Amino acid sequence: MTAPAVRSADITGLVLAGGRATRMGGRDKGLLELFGEPLAARALRRLRPQVGTLLLNANRHLDAYAALGVPLCPDRPGHAFAGPLAGLEAGLDACRTPWLLAVPCDGPLLPDDLAARLAGAVGAAPAAIARAGGRRQPVFCLLRRTQLDALRDFLDRGGAKVDAFTSAIGAVEVDFDNAGAFVNVNDADELDRIARQLEKQP
């Protein structure tokens, strides 16, 4: 049986910017700039037309993130900086729509059709979660809000890996032709490389 179609208005977009960015020397990745625009702001801009509303998960520099104009949802006390799953939990707790679409702040090339493709997959399955497949990028995922209790229990039992949690609840994987759309900025050299790549595009 096919589930009802997931509309963009049913989806809250969540940008995950709550990490310590140890590979960036502790610099807050979401506030690093690409062509003068913070990476978190770029992710919000690319998500905005795909979803009904937006949230941002951050644990540092909250004033700077608040200036981006969307509600903030820090990690739960005791789970701060516990990784992307802690950010997902915070987003699900703050979410007021049936679905949450999560993306990392350091994925500046996220697809314009990410929400539509993942929504189509959960509707066809039906499933509680769809994640970007191909190179396995489980942080790019569309998750049903009713999975909050399952995620909270997973974290409280010491779970930490996004892939382990999404697999445990039966994720549908969606392959995208352009695996490069899911590149993550892990260091300053990679940020420079992406900038040069974008400058060459028409």
C-alpha atoms as a PDB file:
ATOM      1  CA  MET A   1       0.000   0.000   0.000  1.00  0.00           C
ATOM      2  CA  THR A   2       1.369   3.402  -0.974  1.00  0.00           C
ATOM      3  CA  ALA A   3       1.494   6.025   1.770  1.00  0.00           C
ATOM      4  CA  PRO A   4      -0.026   9.482   1.202  1.00  0.00           C
ATOM      5  CA  ALA A   5       2.265  11.868  -0.626  1.00  0.00           C
ATOM      6  CA  VAL A   6       4.585  13.913   1.580  1.00  0.00           C
ATOM      7  CA  ARG A   7       4.125  17.604   0.773  1.00  0.00           C
ATOM      8  CA  SER A   8       6.848  20.200   1.248  1.00  0.00           C
ATOM      9  CA  ALA A   9       4.613  21.878   3.850  1.00  0.00           C
ATOM     10  CA  ASP A  10       4.795  18.650   5.873  1.00  0.00           C
ATOM     11  CA  ILE A  11       8.581  18.894   6.151  1.00  0.00           C
ATOM     12  CA  THR A  12      10.796  20.886   8.496  1.00  0.00           C
ATOM     13  CA  GLY A  13      14.326  21.378   7.224  1.00  0.00           C
ATOM     14  CA  LEU A  14      17.101  21.016   9.808  1.00  0.00           C
ATOM     15  CA  VAL A  15      20.667  22.220   9.268  1.00  0.00           C
ATOM     16  CA  LEU A  16      23.101  20.423  11.579  1.00  0.00           C
ATOM     17  CA  ALA A  17      25.811  22.799  12.810  1.00  0.00           C
ATOM     18  CA  GLY A  18      26.347  21.510  16.324  1.00  0.00           C
ATOM     19  CA  GLY A  19      29.683  19.720  16.016  1.00  0.00           C
ATOM     20  CA  ARG A  20      33.121  20.552  17.397  1.00  0.00           C
ATOM     21  CA  ALA A  21      34.773  20.547  13.928  1.00  0.00           C
ATOM     22  CA  THR A  22      37.964  18.982  15.262  1.00  0.00           C
ATOM     23  CA  ARG A  23      39.327  18.459  11.733  1.00  0.00           C
ATOM     24  CA  MET A  24      38.955  22.198  11.145  1.00  0.00           C
ATOM     25  CA  GLY A  25      41.015  23.005  14.221  1.00  0.00           C
ATOM     26  CA  GLY A  26      37.886  23.740  16.215  1.00  0.00           C
ATOM     27  CA  ARG A  27      36.659  26.446  13.835  1.00  0.00           C
ATOM     28  CA  ASP A  28      32.877  26.454  13.635  1.00  0.00           C
ATOM     29  CA  LYS A  29      32.221  24.967  10.191  1.00  0.00           C
ATOM     30  CA  GLY A  30      28.778  26.458   9.833  1.00  0.00           C
ATOM     31  CA  LEU A  31      30.237  29.946  10.087  1.00  0.00           C
ATOM     32  CA  LEU A  32      33.036  29.405   7.549  1.00  0.00           C
ATOM     33  CA  GLU A  33      32.307  31.390   4.418  1.00  0.00           C
ATOM     34  CA  LEU A  34      31.974  30.330   0.800  1.00  0.00           C
ATOM     35  CA  PHE A  35      31.905  33.403  -1.458  1.00  0.00           C
ATOM     36  CA  GLY A  36      31.152  35.543   1.595  1.00  0.00           C
ATOM     37  CA  GLU A  37      28.212  33.414   2.758  1.00  0.00           C
ATOM     38  CA  PRO A  38      28.416  31.253   5.911  1.00  0.00           C
ATOM     39  CA  LEU A  39      28.059  27.559   5.098  1.00  0.00           C
ATOM     40  CA  ALA A  40      25.052  27.279   7.422  1.00  0.00           C
ATOM     41  CA  ALA A  41      23.342  30.191   5.667  1.00  0.00           C
ATOM     42  CA  ARG A  42      24.025  28.560   2.299  1.00  0.00           C
ATOM     43  CA  ALA A  43      22.478  25.290   3.481  1.00  0.00           C
ATOM     44  CA  LEU A  44      19.415  27.128   4.794  1.00  0.00           C
ATOM     45  CA  ARG A  45      19.060  28.998   1.502  1.00  0.00           C
ATOM     46  CA  ARG A  46      19.196  25.796  -0.531  1.00  0.00           C
ATOM     47  CA  LEU A  47      16.731  24.043   1.762  1.00  0.00           C
ATOM     48  CA  ARG A  48      14.220  26.884   2.086  1.00  0.00           C
ATOM     49  CA  PRO A  49      12.311  26.319  -1.198  1.00  0.00           C
ATOM     50  CA  GLN A  50      12.131  22.568  -0.533  1.00  0.00           C
ATOM     51  CA  VAL A  51      10.444  22.580   2.890  1.00  0.00           C
ATOM     52  CA  GLY A  52       7.715  24.256   4.902  1.00  0.00           C
ATOM     53  CA  THR A  53       9.850  25.612   7.734  1.00  0.00           C
ATOM     54  CA  LEU A  54      13.432  25.604   8.977  1.00  0.00           C
ATOM     55  CA  LEU A  55      15.455  24.861  12.117  1.00  0.00           C
ATOM     56  CA  LEU A  56      19.158  25.093  12.905  1.00  0.00           C
ATOM     57  CA  ASN A  57      21.004  22.866  15.377  1.00  0.00           C
ATOM     58  CA  ALA A  58      23.986  24.643  16.976  1.00  0.00           C
ATOM     59  CA  ASN A  59      25.834  24.478  20.278  1.00  0.00           C
ATOM     60  CA  ARG A  60      28.331  27.345  19.950  1.00  0.00           C
ATOM     61  CA  HIS A  61      28.248  30.947  18.739  1.00  0.00           C
ATOM     62  CA  LEU A  62      24.490  31.010  19.189  1.00  0.00           C
ATOM     63  CA  ASP A  63      24.259  34.770  18.607  1.00  0.00           C
ATOM     64  CA  ALA A  64      25.887  34.401  15.204  1.00  0.00           C
ATOM     65  CA  TYR A  65      23.581  31.546  14.252  1.00  0.00           C
ATOM     66  CA  ALA A  66      20.499  33.362  15.566  1.00  0.00           C
ATOM     67  CA  ALA A  67      21.347  36.192  13.154  1.00  0.00           C
ATOM     68  CA  LEU A  68      20.588  33.787  10.286  1.00  0.00           C
ATOM     69  CA  GLY A  69      16.917  34.208  11.156  1.00  0.00           C
ATOM     70  CA  VAL A  70      15.680  30.691  11.907  1.00  0.00           C
ATOM     71  CA  PRO A  71      14.876  29.035  15.267  1.00  0.00           C
ATOM     72  CA  LEU A  72      17.800  27.337  17.009  1.00  0.00           C
ATOM     73  CA  CYS A  73      17.621  23.919  18.672  1.00  0.00           C
ATOM     74  CA  PRO A  74      20.778  23.067  20.667  1.00  0.00           C
ATOM     75  CA  ASP A  75      21.540  19.484  21.690  1.00  0.00           C
ATOM     76  CA  ARG A  76      19.828  18.098  24.786  1.00  0.00           C
ATOM     77  CA  PRO A  77      21.808  18.665  28.024  1.00  0.00           C
ATOM     78  CA  GLY A  78      24.035  15.678  28.595  1.00  0.00           C
ATOM     79  CA  HIS A  79      24.203  14.980  24.855  1.00  0.00           C
ATOM     80  CA  ALA A  80      25.816  18.214  23.657  1.00  0.00           C
ATOM     81  CA  PHE A  81      28.443  17.630  20.965  1.00  0.00           C
ATOM     82  CA  ALA A  82      27.489  13.931  20.898  1.00  0.00           C
ATOM     83  CA  GLY A  83      27.445  13.957  17.103  1.00  0.00           C
ATOM     84  CA  PRO A  84      24.818  14.268  14.360  1.00  0.00           C
ATOM     85  CA  LEU A  85      22.343  11.994  16.136  1.00  0.00           C
ATOM     86  CA  ALA A  86      22.163  14.431  19.052  1.00  0.00           C
ATOM     87  CA  GLY A  87      21.389  17.170  16.539  1.00  0.00           C
ATOM     88  CA  LEU A  88      18.732  15.007  14.920  1.00  0.00           C
ATOM     89  CA  GLU A  89      17.157  14.413  18.314  1.00  0.00           C
ATOM     90  CA  ALA A  90      17.088  18.152  19.035  1.00  0.00           C
ATOM     91  CA  GLY A  91      15.522  18.774  15.639  1.00  0.00           C
ATOM     92  CA  LEU A  92      12.850  16.117  16.079  1.00  0.00           C
ATOM     93  CA  ASP A  93      12.005  17.523  19.515  1.00  0.00           C
ATOM     94  CA  ALA A  94      11.551  21.026  18.077  1.00  0.00           C
ATOM     95  CA  CYS A  95       9.845  19.846  14.873  1.00  0.00           C
ATOM     96  CA  ARG A  96       6.117  20.562  14.518  1.00  0.00           C
ATOM     97  CA  THR A  97       5.586  18.927  11.132  1.00  0.00           C
ATOM     98  CA  PRO A  98       5.207  15.204  10.394  1.00  0.00           C
ATOM     99  CA  TRP A  99       8.652  14.990   8.764  1.00  0.00           C
ATOM    100  CA  LEU A 100      12.151  16.337   9.398  1.00  0.00           C
ATOM    101  CA  LEU A 101      14.729  16.695   6.619  1.00  0.00           C
ATOM    102  CA  ALA A 102      18.267  16.888   8.018  1.00  0.00           C
ATOM    103  CA  VAL A 103      21.377  18.081   6.218  1.00  0.00           C
ATOM    104  CA  PRO A 104      24.869  18.890   7.532  1.00  0.00           C
ATOM    105  CA  CYS A 105      25.987  22.503   7.439  1.00  0.00           C
ATOM    106  CA  ASP A 106      29.172  21.449   5.643  1.00  0.00           C
ATOM    107  CA  GLY A 107      27.418  20.080   2.550  1.00  0.00           C
ATOM    108  CA  PRO A 108      27.372  23.203   0.339  1.00  0.00           C
ATOM    109  CA  LEU A 109      26.258  21.403  -2.829  1.00  0.00           C
ATOM    110  CA  LEU A 110      23.132  19.671  -1.511  1.00  0.00           C
ATOM    111  CA  PRO A 111      20.665  18.908  -4.342  1.00  0.00           C
ATOM    112  CA  ASP A 112      17.751  21.180  -5.166  1.00  0.00           C
ATOM    113  CA  ASP A 113      15.499  18.113  -5.368  1.00  0.00           C
ATOM    114  CA  LEU A 114      16.675  16.450  -2.139  1.00  0.00           C
ATOM    115  CA  ALA A 115      13.357  16.800  -0.308  1.00  0.00           C
ATOM    116  CA  ALA A 116      11.266  15.732  -3.287  1.00  0.00           C
ATOM    117  CA  ARG A 117      13.371  12.652  -4.004  1.00  0.00           C
ATOM    118  CA  LEU A 118      13.437  11.480  -0.380  1.00  0.00           C
ATOM    119  CA  ALA A 119       9.744  12.244   0.099  1.00  0.00           C
ATOM    120  CA  GLY A 120       8.895  10.185  -2.953  1.00  0.00           C
ATOM    121  CA  ALA A 121      10.847   7.263  -1.535  1.00  0.00           C
ATOM    122  CA  VAL A 122       9.140   7.215   1.862  1.00  0.00           C
ATOM    123  CA  GLY A 123       5.764   7.542   0.177  1.00  0.00           C
ATOM    124  CA  ALA A 124       6.417   4.641  -2.162  1.00  0.00           C
ATOM    125  CA  ALA A 125       7.823   2.267   0.464  1.00  0.00           C
ATOM    126  CA  PRO A 126       6.206   3.379   2.887  1.00  0.00           C
ATOM    127  CA  ALA A 127       8.983   3.898   5.444  1.00  0.00           C
ATOM    128  CA  ALA A 128       9.889   5.919   8.525  1.00  0.00           C
ATOM    129  CA  ILE A 129      13.052   7.292   6.979  1.00  0.00           C
ATOM    130  CA  ALA A 130      14.753   7.795   3.625  1.00  0.00           C
ATOM    131  CA  ARG A 131      18.431   8.609   3.306  1.00  0.00           C
ATOM    132  CA  ALA A 132      20.725   9.546   0.458  1.00  0.00           C
ATOM    133  CA  GLY A 133      22.409   6.420  -0.846  1.00  0.00           C
ATOM    134  CA  GLY A 134      25.141   5.946  -3.385  1.00  0.00           C
ATOM    135  CA  ARG A 135      28.184   6.872  -1.328  1.00  0.00           C
ATOM    136  CA  ARG A 136      26.082   6.336   1.809  1.00  0.00           C
ATOM    137  CA  GLN A 137      25.454   9.765   3.273  1.00  0.00           C
ATOM    138  CA  PRO A 138      23.005   8.922   6.079  1.00  0.00           C
ATOM    139  CA  VAL A 139      23.104  12.419   7.599  1.00  0.00           C
ATOM    140  CA  PHE A 140      21.147  13.622   4.544  1.00  0.00           C
ATOM    141  CA  CYS A 141      17.864  12.032   5.591  1.00  0.00           C
ATOM    142  CA  LEU A 142      14.117  12.534   5.780  1.00  0.00           C
ATOM    143  CA  LEU A 143      12.814  11.194   9.075  1.00  0.00           C
ATOM    144  CA  ARG A 144       9.319  10.782  10.453  1.00  0.00           C
ATOM    145  CA  ARG A 145       8.824  12.866  13.622  1.00  0.00           C
ATOM    146  CA  THR A 146       7.332   9.865  15.430  1.00  0.00           C
ATOM    147  CA  GLN A 147      10.833   8.355  15.578  1.00  0.00           C
ATOM    148  CA  LEU A 148      11.869  10.786  18.336  1.00  0.00           C
ATOM    149  CA  ASP A 149      11.365   8.260  21.148  1.00  0.00           C
ATOM    150  CA  ALA A 150      13.278   5.572  19.255  1.00  0.00           C
ATOM    151  CA  LEU A 151      16.174   7.951  18.646  1.00  0.00           C
ATOM    152  CA  ARG A 152      16.203   9.141  22.257  1.00  0.00           C
ATOM    153  CA  ASP A 153      16.307   5.545  23.467  1.00  0.00           C
ATOM    154  CA  PHE A 154      19.122   4.738  21.019  1.00  0.00           C
ATOM    155  CA  LEU A 155      21.187   7.662  22.338  1.00  0.00           C
ATOM    156  CA  ASP A 156      20.495   6.855  25.967  1.00  0.00           C
ATOM    157  CA  ARG A 157      21.764   3.320  25.365  1.00  0.00           C
ATOM    158  CA  GLY A 158      25.055   4.717  24.060  1.00  0.00           C
ATOM    159  CA  GLY A 159      24.333   4.634  20.332  1.00  0.00           C
ATOM    160  CA  ALA A 160      26.266   7.190  18.326  1.00  0.00           C
ATOM    161  CA  LYS A 161      26.378   6.278  14.627  1.00  0.00           C
ATOM    162  CA  VAL A 162      23.785   7.725  12.254  1.00  0.00           C
ATOM    163  CA  ASP A 163      24.087   4.752   9.916  1.00  0.00           C
ATOM    164  CA  ALA A 164      23.414   2.283  12.736  1.00  0.00           C
ATOM    165  CA  PHE A 165      20.279   4.107  13.852  1.00  0.00           C
ATOM    166  CA  THR A 166      18.827   4.657  10.390  1.00  0.00           C
ATOM    167  CA  SER A 167      19.471   1.033   9.465  1.00  0.00           C
ATOM    168  CA  ALA A 168      17.841  -0.169  12.693  1.00  0.00           C
ATOM    169  CA  ILE A 169      14.555   1.593  11.896  1.00  0.00           C
ATOM    170  CA  GLY A 170      14.495   0.402   8.292  1.00  0.00           C
ATOM    171  CA  ALA A 171      15.732   3.195   6.066  1.00  0.00           C
ATOM    172  CA  VAL A 172      14.988   3.396   2.356  1.00  0.00           C
ATOM    173  CA  GLU A 173      18.049   4.447   0.363  1.00  0.00           C
ATOM    174  CA  VAL A 174      17.741   6.864  -2.534  1.00  0.00           C
ATOM    175  CA  ASP A 175      20.535   6.961  -5.095  1.00  0.00           C
ATOM    176  CA  PHE A 176      21.439  10.297  -6.636  1.00  0.00           C
ATOM    177  CA  ASP A 177      23.281  10.478  -9.948  1.00  0.00           C
ATOM    178  CA  ASN A 178      25.651  13.163  -8.716  1.00  0.00           C
ATOM    179  CA  ALA A 179      27.463  11.773  -5.672  1.00  0.00           C
ATOM    180  CA  GLY A 180      29.499  14.988  -5.587  1.00  0.00           C
ATOM    181  CA  ALA A 181      26.396  16.837  -4.409  1.00  0.00           C
ATOM    182  CA  PHE A 182      26.968  15.289  -0.991  1.00  0.00           C
ATOM    183  CA  VAL A 183      30.584  16.323  -0.521  1.00  0.00           C
ATOM    184  CA  ASN A 184      31.435  17.456   3.014  1.00  0.00           C
ATOM    185  CA  VAL A 185      33.827  20.254   3.876  1.00  0.00           C
ATOM    186  CA  ASN A 186      36.208  18.593   6.311  1.00  0.00           C
ATOM    187  CA  ASP A 187      39.140  20.978   6.081  1.00  0.00           C
ATOM    188  CA  ALA A 188      40.151  24.357   4.700  1.00  0.00           C
ATOM    189  CA  ASP A 189      41.739  22.828   1.587  1.00  0.00           C
ATOM    190  CA  GLU A 190      38.465  21.154   0.667  1.00  0.00           C
ATOM    191  CA  LEU A 191      36.587  24.415   1.096  1.00  0.00           C
ATOM    192  CA  ASP A 192      39.047  26.093  -1.279  1.00  0.00           C
ATOM    193  CA  ARG A 193      38.678  23.241  -3.780  1.00  0.00           C
ATOM    194  CA  ILE A 194      34.872  23.578  -3.781  1.00  0.00           C
ATOM    195  CA  ALA A 195      35.163  27.321  -4.274  1.00  0.00           C
ATOM    196  CA  ARG A 196      37.414  26.806  -7.297  1.00  0.00           C
ATOM    197  CA  GLN A 197      35.007  24.177  -8.658  1.00  0.00           C
ATOM    198  CA  LEU A 198      32.029  26.520  -8.362  1.00  0.00           C
ATOM    199  CA  GLU A 199      33.924  29.394  -9.973  1.00  0.00           C
ATOM    200  CA  LYS A 200      34.397  27.269 -13.094  1.00  0.00           C
ATOM    201  CA  GLN A 201      30.682  26.574 -13.454  1.00  0.00           C
ATOM    202  CA  PRO A 202      28.683  28.784 -15.837  1.00  0.00           C
END
